[in-house]
Amino acid sequence: MSLIDLKDDLENLVVAYKSDFYKWDGDLIDCSDYAKDKFCELFLHHMTSWWDDVLPPVVSNQKVFLEFLYKDSDKSPLSVILRGEIYMYLEEHLRELVQEAYDKMHNIQPEEFPGYERWH
């Protein structure tokens, strides 16, 4: 899977989330836990190179583990804790990707980096 595919799918998920929460401004932190789980699941589906960083080392079949964690486990306490820890690990990177997808959807231009101008 590629980053381009991830960004396309993120845009689709952002559109779906925005239609349910019209006041949302694209900040991942403001999303529900359910939505955060969906964003994490999508990210991990595409970015398999992150699996070794995110998943417990004793997991032998990472794909099956992720399917169970995000699709079949619902509200079991251990699953909730694991999903929360995964979200916290991915939050900074994923937050930026989600905001980019939101901004692209709404034609919001990123602010220019002011640089390191000297004050005279």
PDB file of N, CA and C in Angstrom:
ATOM      1  N   MET A   1       0.840  -1.171   0.000  1.00  0.00           N
ATOM      2  CA  MET A   1       0.000   0.000   0.000  1.00  0.00           C
ATOM      3  C   MET A   1       0.889   1.239   0.000  1.00  0.00           C
ATOM      4  N   SER A   2       0.348   2.309  -0.489  1.00  0.00           N
ATOM      5  CA  SER A   2       1.164   3.517  -0.596  1.00  0.00           C
ATOM      6  C   SER A   2       0.561   4.670   0.193  1.00  0.00           C
ATOM      7  N   LEU A   3       1.384   5.677   0.370  1.00  0.00           N
ATOM      8  CA  LEU A   3       0.932   6.883   1.052  1.00  0.00           C
ATOM      9  C   LEU A   3      -0.149   7.594   0.236  1.00  0.00           C
ATOM     10  N   ILE A   4      -0.047   7.526  -1.072  1.00  0.00           N
ATOM     11  CA  ILE A   4      -1.063   8.150  -1.937  1.00  0.00           C
ATOM     12  C   ILE A   4      -2.414   7.469  -1.739  1.00  0.00           C
ATOM     13  N   ASP A   5      -2.415   6.133  -1.688  1.00  0.00           N
ATOM     14  CA  ASP A   5      -3.663   5.406  -1.436  1.00  0.00           C
ATOM     15  C   ASP A   5      -4.229   5.756  -0.065  1.00  0.00           C
ATOM     16  N   LEU A   6      -3.352   5.860   0.923  1.00  0.00           N
ATOM     17  CA  LEU A   6      -3.787   6.236   2.268  1.00  0.00           C
ATOM     18  C   LEU A   6      -4.448   7.607   2.249  1.00  0.00           C
ATOM     19  N   LYS A   7      -3.814   8.563   1.583  1.00  0.00           N
ATOM     20  CA  LYS A   7      -4.370   9.921   1.555  1.00  0.00           C
ATOM     21  C   LYS A   7      -5.725   9.947   0.846  1.00  0.00           C
ATOM     22  N   ASP A   8      -5.876   9.173  -0.224  1.00  0.00           N
ATOM     23  CA  ASP A   8      -7.172   9.096  -0.905  1.00  0.00           C
ATOM     24  C   ASP A   8      -8.244   8.543   0.027  1.00  0.00           C
ATOM     25  N   ASP A   9      -7.915   7.458   0.729  1.00  0.00           N
ATOM     26  CA  ASP A   9      -8.882   6.856   1.649  1.00  0.00           C
ATOM     27  C   ASP A   9      -9.158   7.760   2.843  1.00  0.00           C
ATOM     28  N   LEU A  10      -8.146   8.480   3.302  1.00  0.00           N
ATOM     29  CA  LEU A  10      -8.359   9.430   4.398  1.00  0.00           C
ATOM     30  C   LEU A  10      -9.331  10.523   3.978  1.00  0.00           C
ATOM     31  N   GLU A  11      -9.198  10.999   2.749  1.00  0.00           N
ATOM     32  CA  GLU A  11     -10.123  12.023   2.261  1.00  0.00           C
ATOM     33  C   GLU A  11     -11.556  11.499   2.277  1.00  0.00           C
ATOM     34  N   ASN A  12     -11.749  10.255   1.879  1.00  0.00           N
ATOM     35  CA  ASN A  12     -13.092   9.665   1.897  1.00  0.00           C
ATOM     36  C   ASN A  12     -13.625   9.553   3.323  1.00  0.00           C
ATOM     37  N   LEU A  13     -12.765   9.164   4.252  1.00  0.00           N
ATOM     38  CA  LEU A  13     -13.185   9.041   5.647  1.00  0.00           C
ATOM     39  C   LEU A  13     -13.466  10.416   6.250  1.00  0.00           C
ATOM     40  N   VAL A  14     -12.680  11.408   5.885  1.00  0.00           N
ATOM     41  CA  VAL A  14     -12.909  12.782   6.361  1.00  0.00           C
ATOM     42  C   VAL A  14     -14.259  13.287   5.864  1.00  0.00           C
ATOM     43  N   VAL A  15     -14.571  13.023   4.613  1.00  0.00           N
ATOM     44  CA  VAL A  15     -15.867  13.435   4.057  1.00  0.00           C
ATOM     45  C   VAL A  15     -16.999  12.783   4.842  1.00  0.00           C
ATOM     46  N   ALA A  16     -16.872  11.499   5.108  1.00  0.00           N
ATOM     47  CA  ALA A  16     -17.913  10.773   5.849  1.00  0.00           C
ATOM     48  C   ALA A  16     -18.055  11.322   7.267  1.00  0.00           C
ATOM     49  N   TYR A  17     -16.934  11.582   7.938  1.00  0.00           N
ATOM     50  CA  TYR A  17     -16.995  12.088   9.305  1.00  0.00           C
ATOM     51  C   TYR A  17     -17.569  13.504   9.332  1.00  0.00           C
ATOM     52  N   LYS A  18     -17.149  14.331   8.390  1.00  0.00           N
ATOM     53  CA  LYS A  18     -17.625  15.718   8.342  1.00  0.00           C
ATOM     54  C   LYS A  18     -19.136  15.770   8.119  1.00  0.00           C
ATOM     55  N   SER A  19     -19.666  14.836   7.340  1.00  0.00           N
ATOM     56  CA  SER A  19     -21.113  14.853   7.098  1.00  0.00           C
ATOM     57  C   SER A  19     -21.899  14.522   8.370  1.00  0.00           C
ATOM     58  N   ASP A  20     -21.291  13.776   9.293  1.00  0.00           N
ATOM     59  CA  ASP A  20     -21.948  13.450  10.558  1.00  0.00           C
ATOM     60  C   ASP A  20     -21.753  14.539  11.615  1.00  0.00           C
ATOM     61  N   PHE A  21     -20.645  15.267  11.523  1.00  0.00           N
ATOM     62  CA  PHE A  21     -20.312  16.285  12.522  1.00  0.00           C
ATOM     63  C   PHE A  21     -19.951  17.575  11.799  1.00  0.00           C
ATOM     64  N   TYR A  22     -20.969  18.332  11.445  1.00  0.00           N
ATOM     65  CA  TYR A  22     -20.778  19.486  10.573  1.00  0.00           C
ATOM     66  C   TYR A  22     -19.920  20.589  11.188  1.00  0.00           C
ATOM     67  N   LYS A  23     -19.778  20.632  12.504  1.00  0.00           N
ATOM     68  CA  LYS A  23     -18.973  21.680  13.132  1.00  0.00           C
ATOM     69  C   LYS A  23     -17.500  21.277  13.270  1.00  0.00           C
ATOM     70  N   TRP A  24     -17.166  20.081  12.838  1.00  0.00           N
ATOM     71  CA  TRP A  24     -15.794  19.600  12.952  1.00  0.00           C
ATOM     72  C   TRP A  24     -14.876  20.408  12.044  1.00  0.00           C
ATOM     73  N   ASP A  25     -13.707  20.791  12.559  1.00  0.00           N
ATOM     74  CA  ASP A  25     -12.772  21.613  11.782  1.00  0.00           C
ATOM     75  C   ASP A  25     -11.565  20.839  11.272  1.00  0.00           C
ATOM     76  N   GLY A  26     -11.614  19.508  11.351  1.00  0.00           N
ATOM     77  CA  GLY A  26     -10.539  18.690  10.805  1.00  0.00           C
ATOM     78  C   GLY A  26      -9.496  18.250  11.806  1.00  0.00           C
ATOM     79  N   ASP A  27      -9.625  18.667  13.059  1.00  0.00           N
ATOM     80  CA  ASP A  27      -8.640  18.281  14.071  1.00  0.00           C
ATOM     81  C   ASP A  27      -8.991  16.904  14.630  1.00  0.00           C
ATOM     82  N   LEU A  28      -8.090  15.974  14.463  1.00  0.00           N
ATOM     83  CA  LEU A  28      -8.313  14.595  14.898  1.00  0.00           C
ATOM     84  C   LEU A  28      -8.623  14.506  16.388  1.00  0.00           C
ATOM     85  N   ILE A  29      -8.029  15.367  17.168  1.00  0.00           N
ATOM     86  CA  ILE A  29      -8.226  15.329  18.623  1.00  0.00           C
ATOM     87  C   ILE A  29      -9.697  15.524  18.996  1.00  0.00           C
ATOM     88  N   ASP A  30     -10.448  16.247  18.177  1.00  0.00           N
ATOM     89  CA  ASP A  30     -11.854  16.518  18.464  1.00  0.00           C
ATOM     90  C   ASP A  30     -12.794  15.381  18.053  1.00  0.00           C
ATOM     91  N   CYS A  31     -12.264  14.358  17.423  1.00  0.00           N
ATOM     92  CA  CYS A  31     -13.094  13.242  16.958  1.00  0.00           C
ATOM     93  C   CYS A  31     -13.493  12.328  18.113  1.00  0.00           C
ATOM     94  N   SER A  32     -14.536  11.559  17.890  1.00  0.00           N
ATOM     95  CA  SER A  32     -14.951  10.552  18.872  1.00  0.00           C
ATOM     96  C   SER A  32     -13.915   9.423  18.887  1.00  0.00           C
ATOM     97  N   ASP A  33     -13.942   8.628  19.935  1.00  0.00           N
ATOM     98  CA  ASP A  33     -13.037   7.475  20.011  1.00  0.00           C
ATOM     99  C   ASP A  33     -13.277   6.521  18.849  1.00  0.00           C
ATOM    100  N   TYR A  34     -14.541   6.362  18.478  1.00  0.00           N
ATOM    101  CA  TYR A  34     -14.875   5.494  17.346  1.00  0.00           C
ATOM    102  C   TYR A  34     -14.198   5.996  16.069  1.00  0.00           C
ATOM    103  N   ALA A  35     -14.269   7.299  15.819  1.00  0.00           N
ATOM    104  CA  ALA A  35     -13.656   7.868  14.615  1.00  0.00           C
ATOM    105  C   ALA A  35     -12.130   7.752  14.680  1.00  0.00           C
ATOM    106  N   LYS A  36     -11.557   7.994  15.849  1.00  0.00           N
ATOM    107  CA  LYS A  36     -10.105   7.845  15.996  1.00  0.00           C
ATOM    108  C   LYS A  36      -9.687   6.418  15.678  1.00  0.00           C
ATOM    109  N   ASP A  37     -10.474   5.450  16.147  1.00  0.00           N
ATOM    110  CA  ASP A  37     -10.180   4.052  15.834  1.00  0.00           C
ATOM    111  C   ASP A  37     -10.242   3.801  14.331  1.00  0.00           C
ATOM    112  N   LYS A  38     -11.224   4.386  13.663  1.00  0.00           N
ATOM    113  CA  LYS A  38     -11.355   4.212  12.206  1.00  0.00           C
ATOM    114  C   LYS A  38     -10.160   4.817  11.476  1.00  0.00           C
ATOM    115  N   PHE A  39      -9.726   6.001  11.898  1.00  0.00           N
ATOM    116  CA  PHE A  39      -8.562   6.624  11.277  1.00  0.00           C
ATOM    117  C   PHE A  39      -7.303   5.778  11.517  1.00  0.00           C
ATOM    118  N   CYS A  40      -7.133   5.274  12.735  1.00  0.00           N
ATOM    119  CA  CYS A  40      -5.972   4.425  13.048  1.00  0.00           C
ATOM    120  C   CYS A  40      -6.013   3.136  12.232  1.00  0.00           C
ATOM    121  N   GLU A  41      -7.180   2.524  12.182  1.00  0.00           N
ATOM    122  CA  GLU A  41      -7.324   1.278  11.417  1.00  0.00           C
ATOM    123  C   GLU A  41      -6.960   1.503   9.956  1.00  0.00           C
ATOM    124  N   LEU A  42      -7.446   2.579   9.388  1.00  0.00           N
ATOM    125  CA  LEU A  42      -7.152   2.895   7.989  1.00  0.00           C
ATOM    126  C   LEU A  42      -5.654   3.133   7.801  1.00  0.00           C
ATOM    127  N   PHE A  43      -5.060   3.880   8.694  1.00  0.00           N
ATOM    128  CA  PHE A  43      -3.627   4.150   8.608  1.00  0.00           C
ATOM    129  C   PHE A  43      -2.836   2.844   8.649  1.00  0.00           C
ATOM    130  N   LEU A  44      -3.150   1.998   9.599  1.00  0.00           N
ATOM    131  CA  LEU A  44      -2.409   0.744   9.749  1.00  0.00           C
ATOM    132  C   LEU A  44      -2.675  -0.223   8.600  1.00  0.00           C
ATOM    133  N   HIS A  45      -3.852  -0.162   8.022  1.00  0.00           N
ATOM    134  CA  HIS A  45      -4.163  -0.990   6.855  1.00  0.00           C
ATOM    135  C   HIS A  45      -3.209  -0.650   5.699  1.00  0.00           C
ATOM    136  N   HIS A  46      -2.947   0.632   5.522  1.00  0.00           N
ATOM    137  CA  HIS A  46      -2.094   1.077   4.418  1.00  0.00           C
ATOM    138  C   HIS A  46      -0.609   1.073   4.760  1.00  0.00           C
ATOM    139  N   MET A  47      -0.280   1.349   5.987  1.00  0.00           N
ATOM    140  CA  MET A  47       1.119   1.543   6.370  1.00  0.00           C
ATOM    141  C   MET A  47       1.628   0.337   7.180  1.00  0.00           C
ATOM    142  N   THR A  48       1.750  -0.778   6.503  1.00  0.00           N
ATOM    143  CA  THR A  48       2.164  -2.015   7.166  1.00  0.00           C
ATOM    144  C   THR A  48       3.571  -1.918   7.752  1.00  0.00           C
ATOM    145  N   SER A  49       4.368  -0.999   7.263  1.00  0.00           N
ATOM    146  CA  SER A  49       5.726  -0.838   7.799  1.00  0.00           C
ATOM    147  C   SER A  49       5.705  -0.343   9.251  1.00  0.00           C
ATOM    148  N   TRP A  50       4.577   0.172   9.704  1.00  0.00           N
ATOM    149  CA  TRP A  50       4.456   0.645  11.087  1.00  0.00           C
ATOM    150  C   TRP A  50       4.053  -0.469  12.049  1.00  0.00           C
ATOM    151  N   TRP A  51       3.652  -1.616  11.525  1.00  0.00           N
ATOM    152  CA  TRP A  51       3.139  -2.676  12.387  1.00  0.00           C
ATOM    153  C   TRP A  51       4.134  -3.082  13.474  1.00  0.00           C
ATOM    154  N   ASP A  52       5.392  -3.240  13.121  1.00  0.00           N
ATOM    155  CA  ASP A  52       6.382  -3.665  14.116  1.00  0.00           C
ATOM    156  C   ASP A  52       6.566  -2.620  15.210  1.00  0.00           C
ATOM    157  N   ASP A  53       6.337  -1.356  14.880  1.00  0.00           N
ATOM    158  CA  ASP A  53       6.480  -0.284  15.871  1.00  0.00           C
ATOM    159  C   ASP A  53       5.272  -0.200  16.799  1.00  0.00           C
ATOM    160  N   VAL A  54       4.102  -0.584  16.301  1.00  0.00           N
ATOM    161  CA  VAL A  54       2.841  -0.342  17.007  1.00  0.00           C
ATOM    162  C   VAL A  54       2.325  -1.577  17.743  1.00  0.00           C
ATOM    163  N   LEU A  55       2.509  -2.743  17.168  1.00  0.00           N
ATOM    164  CA  LEU A  55       1.904  -3.957  17.727  1.00  0.00           C
ATOM    165  C   LEU A  55       2.832  -4.654  18.713  1.00  0.00           C
ATOM    166  N   PRO A  56       2.239  -5.372  19.665  1.00  0.00           N
ATOM    167  CA  PRO A  56       3.058  -6.124  20.618  1.00  0.00           C
ATOM    168  C   PRO A  56       3.974  -7.106  19.877  1.00  0.00           C
ATOM    169  N   PRO A  57       5.203  -7.252  20.342  1.00  0.00           N
ATOM    170  CA  PRO A  57       6.164  -8.106  19.638  1.00  0.00           C
ATOM    171  C   PRO A  57       5.799  -9.589  19.612  1.00  0.00           C
ATOM    172  N   VAL A  58       4.935 -10.027  20.496  1.00  0.00           N
ATOM    173  CA  VAL A  58       4.580 -11.451  20.539  1.00  0.00           C
ATOM    174  C   VAL A  58       3.508 -11.824  19.513  1.00  0.00           C
ATOM    175  N   VAL A  59       2.979 -10.858  18.796  1.00  0.00           N
ATOM    176  CA  VAL A  59       1.941 -11.125  17.804  1.00  0.00           C
ATOM    177  C   VAL A  59       2.594 -11.744  16.570  1.00  0.00           C
ATOM    178  N   SER A  60       2.179 -12.947  16.228  1.00  0.00           N
ATOM    179  CA  SER A  60       2.793 -13.630  15.088  1.00  0.00           C
ATOM    180  C   SER A  60       2.083 -13.323  13.772  1.00  0.00           C
ATOM    181  N   ASN A  61       0.761 -13.142  13.809  1.00  0.00           N
ATOM    182  CA  ASN A  61       0.027 -12.809  12.592  1.00  0.00           C
ATOM    183  C   ASN A  61      -0.590 -11.425  12.778  1.00  0.00           C
ATOM    184  N   GLN A  62       0.161 -10.416  12.365  1.00  0.00           N
ATOM    185  CA  GLN A  62      -0.219  -9.034  12.636  1.00  0.00           C
ATOM    186  C   GLN A  62      -1.499  -8.628  11.916  1.00  0.00           C
ATOM    187  N   LYS A  63      -1.695  -9.111  10.707  1.00  0.00           N
ATOM    188  CA  LYS A  63      -2.891  -8.749   9.949  1.00  0.00           C
ATOM    189  C   LYS A  63      -4.151  -9.251  10.654  1.00  0.00           C
ATOM    190  N   VAL A  64      -4.141 -10.494  11.088  1.00  0.00           N
ATOM    191  CA  VAL A  64      -5.289 -11.068  11.792  1.00  0.00           C
ATOM    192  C   VAL A  64      -5.500 -10.354  13.128  1.00  0.00           C
ATOM    193  N   PHE A  65      -4.415 -10.042  13.799  1.00  0.00           N
ATOM    194  CA  PHE A  65      -4.508  -9.334  15.071  1.00  0.00           C
ATOM    195  C   PHE A  65      -5.205  -7.985  14.890  1.00  0.00           C
ATOM    196  N   LEU A  66      -4.792  -7.234  13.865  1.00  0.00           N
ATOM    197  CA  LEU A  66      -5.403  -5.930  13.615  1.00  0.00           C
ATOM    198  C   LEU A  66      -6.878  -6.063  13.233  1.00  0.00           C
ATOM    199  N   GLU A  67      -7.203  -7.046  12.426  1.00  0.00           N
ATOM    200  CA  GLU A  67      -8.614  -7.272  12.068  1.00  0.00           C
ATOM    201  C   GLU A  67      -9.441  -7.522  13.317  1.00  0.00           C
ATOM    202  N   PHE A  68      -8.944  -8.382  14.181  1.00  0.00           N
ATOM    203  CA  PHE A  68      -9.674  -8.677  15.411  1.00  0.00           C
ATOM    204  C   PHE A  68      -9.772  -7.434  16.294  1.00  0.00           C
ATOM    205  N   LEU A  69      -8.665  -6.730  16.433  1.00  0.00           N
ATOM    206  CA  LEU A  69      -8.616  -5.562  17.314  1.00  0.00           C
ATOM    207  C   LEU A  69      -9.606  -4.485  16.890  1.00  0.00           C
ATOM    208  N   TYR A  70      -9.703  -4.233  15.585  1.00  0.00           N
ATOM    209  CA  TYR A  70     -10.538  -3.128  15.119  1.00  0.00           C
ATOM    210  C   TYR A  70     -11.921  -3.541  14.631  1.00  0.00           C
ATOM    211  N   LYS A  71     -12.130  -4.817  14.359  1.00  0.00           N
ATOM    212  CA  LYS A  71     -13.427  -5.214  13.809  1.00  0.00           C
ATOM    213  C   LYS A  71     -14.237  -6.135  14.720  1.00  0.00           C
ATOM    214  N   ASP A  72     -13.580  -6.980  15.469  1.00  0.00           N
ATOM    215  CA  ASP A  72     -14.299  -8.017  16.206  1.00  0.00           C
ATOM    216  C   ASP A  72     -14.292  -7.858  17.721  1.00  0.00           C
ATOM    217  N   SER A  73     -13.430  -7.004  18.256  1.00  0.00           N
ATOM    218  CA  SER A  73     -13.265  -6.985  19.709  1.00  0.00           C
ATOM    219  C   SER A  73     -14.200  -6.034  20.430  1.00  0.00           C
ATOM    220  N   ASP A  74     -14.771  -5.089  19.741  1.00  0.00           N
ATOM    221  CA  ASP A  74     -15.705  -4.118  20.305  1.00  0.00           C
ATOM    222  C   ASP A  74     -15.162  -3.441  21.551  1.00  0.00           C
ATOM    223  N   LYS A  75     -15.826  -3.671  22.671  1.00  0.00           N
ATOM    224  CA  LYS A  75     -15.519  -2.906  23.882  1.00  0.00           C
ATOM    225  C   LYS A  75     -14.798  -3.703  24.961  1.00  0.00           C
ATOM    226  N   SER A  76     -14.157  -4.797  24.606  1.00  0.00           N
ATOM    227  CA  SER A  76     -13.441  -5.533  25.648  1.00  0.00           C
ATOM    228  C   SER A  76     -12.356  -4.620  26.224  1.00  0.00           C
ATOM    229  N   PRO A  77     -12.153  -4.653  27.538  1.00  0.00           N
ATOM    230  CA  PRO A  77     -11.222  -3.710  28.175  1.00  0.00           C
ATOM    231  C   PRO A  77      -9.811  -3.731  27.568  1.00  0.00           C
ATOM    232  N   LEU A  78      -9.292  -4.904  27.286  1.00  0.00           N
ATOM    233  CA  LEU A  78      -7.949  -4.992  26.725  1.00  0.00           C
ATOM    234  C   LEU A  78      -7.885  -4.356  25.341  1.00  0.00           C
ATOM    235  N   SER A  79      -8.902  -4.579  24.533  1.00  0.00           N
ATOM    236  CA  SER A  79      -8.939  -3.992  23.187  1.00  0.00           C
ATOM    237  C   SER A  79      -9.029  -2.468  23.251  1.00  0.00           C
ATOM    238  N   VAL A  80      -9.827  -1.968  24.161  1.00  0.00           N
ATOM    239  CA  VAL A  80      -9.963  -0.513  24.315  1.00  0.00           C
ATOM    240  C   VAL A  80      -8.621   0.094  24.713  1.00  0.00           C
ATOM    241  N   ILE A  81      -7.924  -0.553  25.629  1.00  0.00           N
ATOM    242  CA  ILE A  81      -6.612  -0.057  26.062  1.00  0.00           C
ATOM    243  C   ILE A  81      -5.619  -0.092  24.901  1.00  0.00           C
ATOM    244  N   LEU A  82      -5.571  -1.201  24.186  1.00  0.00           N
ATOM    245  CA  LEU A  82      -4.646  -1.318  23.052  1.00  0.00           C
ATOM    246  C   LEU A  82      -4.930  -0.281  21.962  1.00  0.00           C
ATOM    247  N   ARG A  83      -6.192  -0.120  21.616  1.00  0.00           N
ATOM    248  CA  ARG A  83      -6.541   0.868  20.594  1.00  0.00           C
ATOM    249  C   ARG A  83      -6.183   2.283  21.055  1.00  0.00           C
ATOM    250  N   GLY A  84      -6.395   2.557  22.337  1.00  0.00           N
ATOM    251  CA  GLY A  84      -6.034   3.871  22.874  1.00  0.00           C
ATOM    252  C   GLY A  84      -4.535   4.118  22.819  1.00  0.00           C
ATOM    253  N   GLU A  85      -3.753   3.104  23.157  1.00  0.00           N
ATOM    254  CA  GLU A  85      -2.294   3.240  23.109  1.00  0.00           C
ATOM    255  C   GLU A  85      -1.798   3.395  21.674  1.00  0.00           C
ATOM    256  N   ILE A  86      -2.394   2.655  20.765  1.00  0.00           N
ATOM    257  CA  ILE A  86      -2.027   2.780  19.346  1.00  0.00           C
ATOM    258  C   ILE A  86      -2.352   4.192  18.857  1.00  0.00           C
ATOM    259  N   TYR A  87      -3.532   4.682  19.221  1.00  0.00           N
ATOM    260  CA  TYR A  87      -3.906   6.048  18.824  1.00  0.00           C
ATOM    261  C   TYR A  87      -2.881   7.056  19.351  1.00  0.00           C
ATOM    262  N   MET A  88      -2.517   6.944  20.619  1.00  0.00           N
ATOM    263  CA  MET A  88      -1.573   7.898  21.204  1.00  0.00           C
ATOM    264  C   MET A  88      -0.225   7.852  20.479  1.00  0.00           C
ATOM    265  N   TYR A  89       0.189   6.669  20.079  1.00  0.00           N
ATOM    266  CA  TYR A  89       1.454   6.523  19.361  1.00  0.00           C
ATOM    267  C   TYR A  89       1.374   7.175  17.980  1.00  0.00           C
ATOM    268  N   LEU A  90       0.238   7.026  17.308  1.00  0.00           N
ATOM    269  CA  LEU A  90       0.075   7.537  15.946  1.00  0.00           C
ATOM    270  C   LEU A  90      -0.428   8.980  15.889  1.00  0.00           C
ATOM    271  N   GLU A  91      -0.905   9.499  17.014  1.00  0.00           N
ATOM    272  CA  GLU A  91      -1.652  10.753  17.014  1.00  0.00           C
ATOM    273  C   GLU A  91      -0.958  11.902  16.276  1.00  0.00           C
ATOM    274  N   GLU A  92       0.273  12.169  16.571  1.00  0.00           N
ATOM    275  CA  GLU A  92       0.944  13.324  15.977  1.00  0.00           C
ATOM    276  C   GLU A  92       1.003  13.202  14.449  1.00  0.00           C
ATOM    277  N   HIS A  93       1.415  12.070  13.963  1.00  0.00           N
ATOM    278  CA  HIS A  93       1.533  11.866  12.515  1.00  0.00           C
ATOM    279  C   HIS A  93       0.159  11.809  11.848  1.00  0.00           C
ATOM    280  N   LEU A  94      -0.743  11.061  12.454  1.00  0.00           N
ATOM    281  CA  LEU A  94      -2.076  10.890  11.888  1.00  0.00           C
ATOM    282  C   LEU A  94      -2.872  12.193  11.930  1.00  0.00           C
ATOM    283  N   ARG A  95      -2.684  12.968  12.970  1.00  0.00           N
ATOM    284  CA  ARG A  95      -3.381  14.253  13.097  1.00  0.00           C
ATOM    285  C   ARG A  95      -3.033  15.174  11.924  1.00  0.00           C
ATOM    286  N   GLU A  96      -1.769  15.182  11.558  1.00  0.00           N
ATOM    287  CA  GLU A  96      -1.326  16.007  10.431  1.00  0.00           C
ATOM    288  C   GLU A  96      -1.944  15.515   9.117  1.00  0.00           C
ATOM    289  N   LEU A  97      -1.973  14.205   8.917  1.00  0.00           N
ATOM    290  CA  LEU A  97      -2.553  13.646   7.684  1.00  0.00           C
ATOM    291  C   LEU A  97      -4.052  13.933   7.578  1.00  0.00           C
ATOM    292  N   VAL A  98      -4.760  13.797   8.686  1.00  0.00           N
ATOM    293  CA  VAL A  98      -6.205  14.051   8.687  1.00  0.00           C
ATOM    294  C   VAL A  98      -6.471  15.534   8.418  1.00  0.00           C
ATOM    295  N   GLN A  99      -5.691  16.408   9.036  1.00  0.00           N
ATOM    296  CA  GLN A  99      -5.877  17.842   8.810  1.00  0.00           C
ATOM    297  C   GLN A  99      -5.591  18.197   7.355  1.00  0.00           C
ATOM    298  N   GLU A 100      -4.569  17.601   6.769  1.00  0.00           N
ATOM    299  CA  GLU A 100      -4.268  17.842   5.353  1.00  0.00           C
ATOM    300  C   GLU A 100      -5.438  17.405   4.471  1.00  0.00           C
ATOM    301  N   ALA A 101      -6.018  16.238   4.778  1.00  0.00           N
ATOM    302  CA  ALA A 101      -7.157  15.747   4.001  1.00  0.00           C
ATOM    303  C   ALA A 101      -8.344  16.687   4.144  1.00  0.00           C
ATOM    304  N   TYR A 102      -8.591  17.164   5.350  1.00  0.00           N
ATOM    305  CA  TYR A 102      -9.692  18.099   5.593  1.00  0.00           C
ATOM    306  C   TYR A 102      -9.464  19.402   4.828  1.00  0.00           C
ATOM    307  N   ASP A 103      -8.253  19.923   4.931  1.00  0.00           N
ATOM    308  CA  ASP A 103      -7.927  21.187   4.248  1.00  0.00           C
ATOM    309  C   ASP A 103      -8.066  21.048   2.734  1.00  0.00           C
ATOM    310  N   LYS A 104      -7.634  19.917   2.202  1.00  0.00           N
ATOM    311  CA  LYS A 104      -7.760  19.691   0.760  1.00  0.00           C
ATOM    312  C   LYS A 104      -9.231  19.643   0.356  1.00  0.00           C
ATOM    313  N   MET A 105     -10.037  18.979   1.165  1.00  0.00           N
ATOM    314  CA  MET A 105     -11.459  18.860   0.890  1.00  0.00           C
ATOM    315  C   MET A 105     -12.141  20.230   0.881  1.00  0.00           C
ATOM    316  N   HIS A 106     -11.679  21.144   1.737  1.00  0.00           N
ATOM    317  CA  HIS A 106     -12.293  22.469   1.866  1.00  0.00           C
ATOM    318  C   HIS A 106     -11.499  23.572   1.158  1.00  0.00           C
ATOM    319  N   ASN A 107     -10.522  23.190   0.368  1.00  0.00           N
ATOM    320  CA  ASN A 107      -9.708  24.165  -0.370  1.00  0.00           C
ATOM    321  C   ASN A 107      -9.037  25.180   0.548  1.00  0.00           C
ATOM    322  N   ILE A 108      -8.581  24.729   1.695  1.00  0.00           N
ATOM    323  CA  ILE A 108      -7.892  25.599   2.646  1.00  0.00           C
ATOM    324  C   ILE A 108      -6.398  25.504   2.364  1.00  0.00           C
ATOM    325  N   GLN A 109      -5.797  26.639   2.062  1.00  0.00           N
ATOM    326  CA  GLN A 109      -4.371  26.671   1.767  1.00  0.00           C
ATOM    327  C   GLN A 109      -3.583  26.658   3.071  1.00  0.00           C
ATOM    328  N   PRO A 110      -2.509  25.873   3.114  1.00  0.00           N
ATOM    329  CA  PRO A 110      -1.696  25.873   4.340  1.00  0.00           C
ATOM    330  C   PRO A 110      -1.031  27.229   4.545  1.00  0.00           C
ATOM    331  N   GLU A 111      -0.858  27.591   5.792  1.00  0.00           N
ATOM    332  CA  GLU A 111      -0.182  28.850   6.092  1.00  0.00           C
ATOM    333  C   GLU A 111       1.284  28.726   5.698  1.00  0.00           C
ATOM    334  N   GLU A 112       1.798  29.786   5.138  1.00  0.00           N
ATOM    335  CA  GLU A 112       3.208  29.774   4.773  1.00  0.00           C
ATOM    336  C   GLU A 112       4.057  29.831   6.023  1.00  0.00           C
ATOM    337  N   PHE A 113       5.150  29.064   5.996  1.00  0.00           N
ATOM    338  CA  PHE A 113       6.082  29.080   7.115  1.00  0.00           C
ATOM    339  C   PHE A 113       6.752  30.445   7.149  1.00  0.00           C
ATOM    340  N   PRO A 114       6.670  31.141   8.289  1.00  0.00           N
ATOM    341  CA  PRO A 114       7.217  32.494   8.335  1.00  0.00           C
ATOM    342  C   PRO A 114       8.733  32.535   8.246  1.00  0.00           C
ATOM    343  N   GLY A 115       9.366  31.406   8.422  1.00  0.00           N
ATOM    344  CA  GLY A 115      10.824  31.379   8.357  1.00  0.00           C
ATOM    345  C   GLY A 115      11.435  31.942   9.615  1.00  0.00           C
ATOM    346  N   TYR A 116      12.647  32.247   9.487  1.00  0.00           N
ATOM    347  CA  TYR A 116      13.370  32.784  10.636  1.00  0.00           C
ATOM    348  C   TYR A 116      13.795  34.214  10.341  1.00  0.00           C
ATOM    349  N   GLU A 117      12.798  35.036  10.062  1.00  0.00           N
ATOM    350  CA  GLU A 117      13.074  36.433   9.742  1.00  0.00           C
ATOM    351  C   GLU A 117      13.638  37.147  10.964  1.00  0.00           C
ATOM    352  N   ARG A 118      14.538  38.003  10.693  1.00  0.00           N
ATOM    353  CA  ARG A 118      15.112  38.811  11.771  1.00  0.00           C
ATOM    354  C   ARG A 118      14.280  40.064  11.950  1.00  0.00           C
ATOM    355  N   TRP A 119      14.104  40.415  13.173  1.00  0.00           N
ATOM    356  CA  TRP A 119      13.394  41.655  13.479  1.00  0.00           C
ATOM    357  C   TRP A 119      14.386  42.786  13.464  1.00  0.00           C
ATOM    358  N   HIS A 120      14.088  43.801  12.741  1.00  0.00           N
ATOM    359  CA  HIS A 120      15.004  44.962  12.656  1.00  0.00           C
ATOM    360  C   HIS A 120      14.442  46.097  13.435  1.00  0.00           C
TER     361      HIS A 120
END
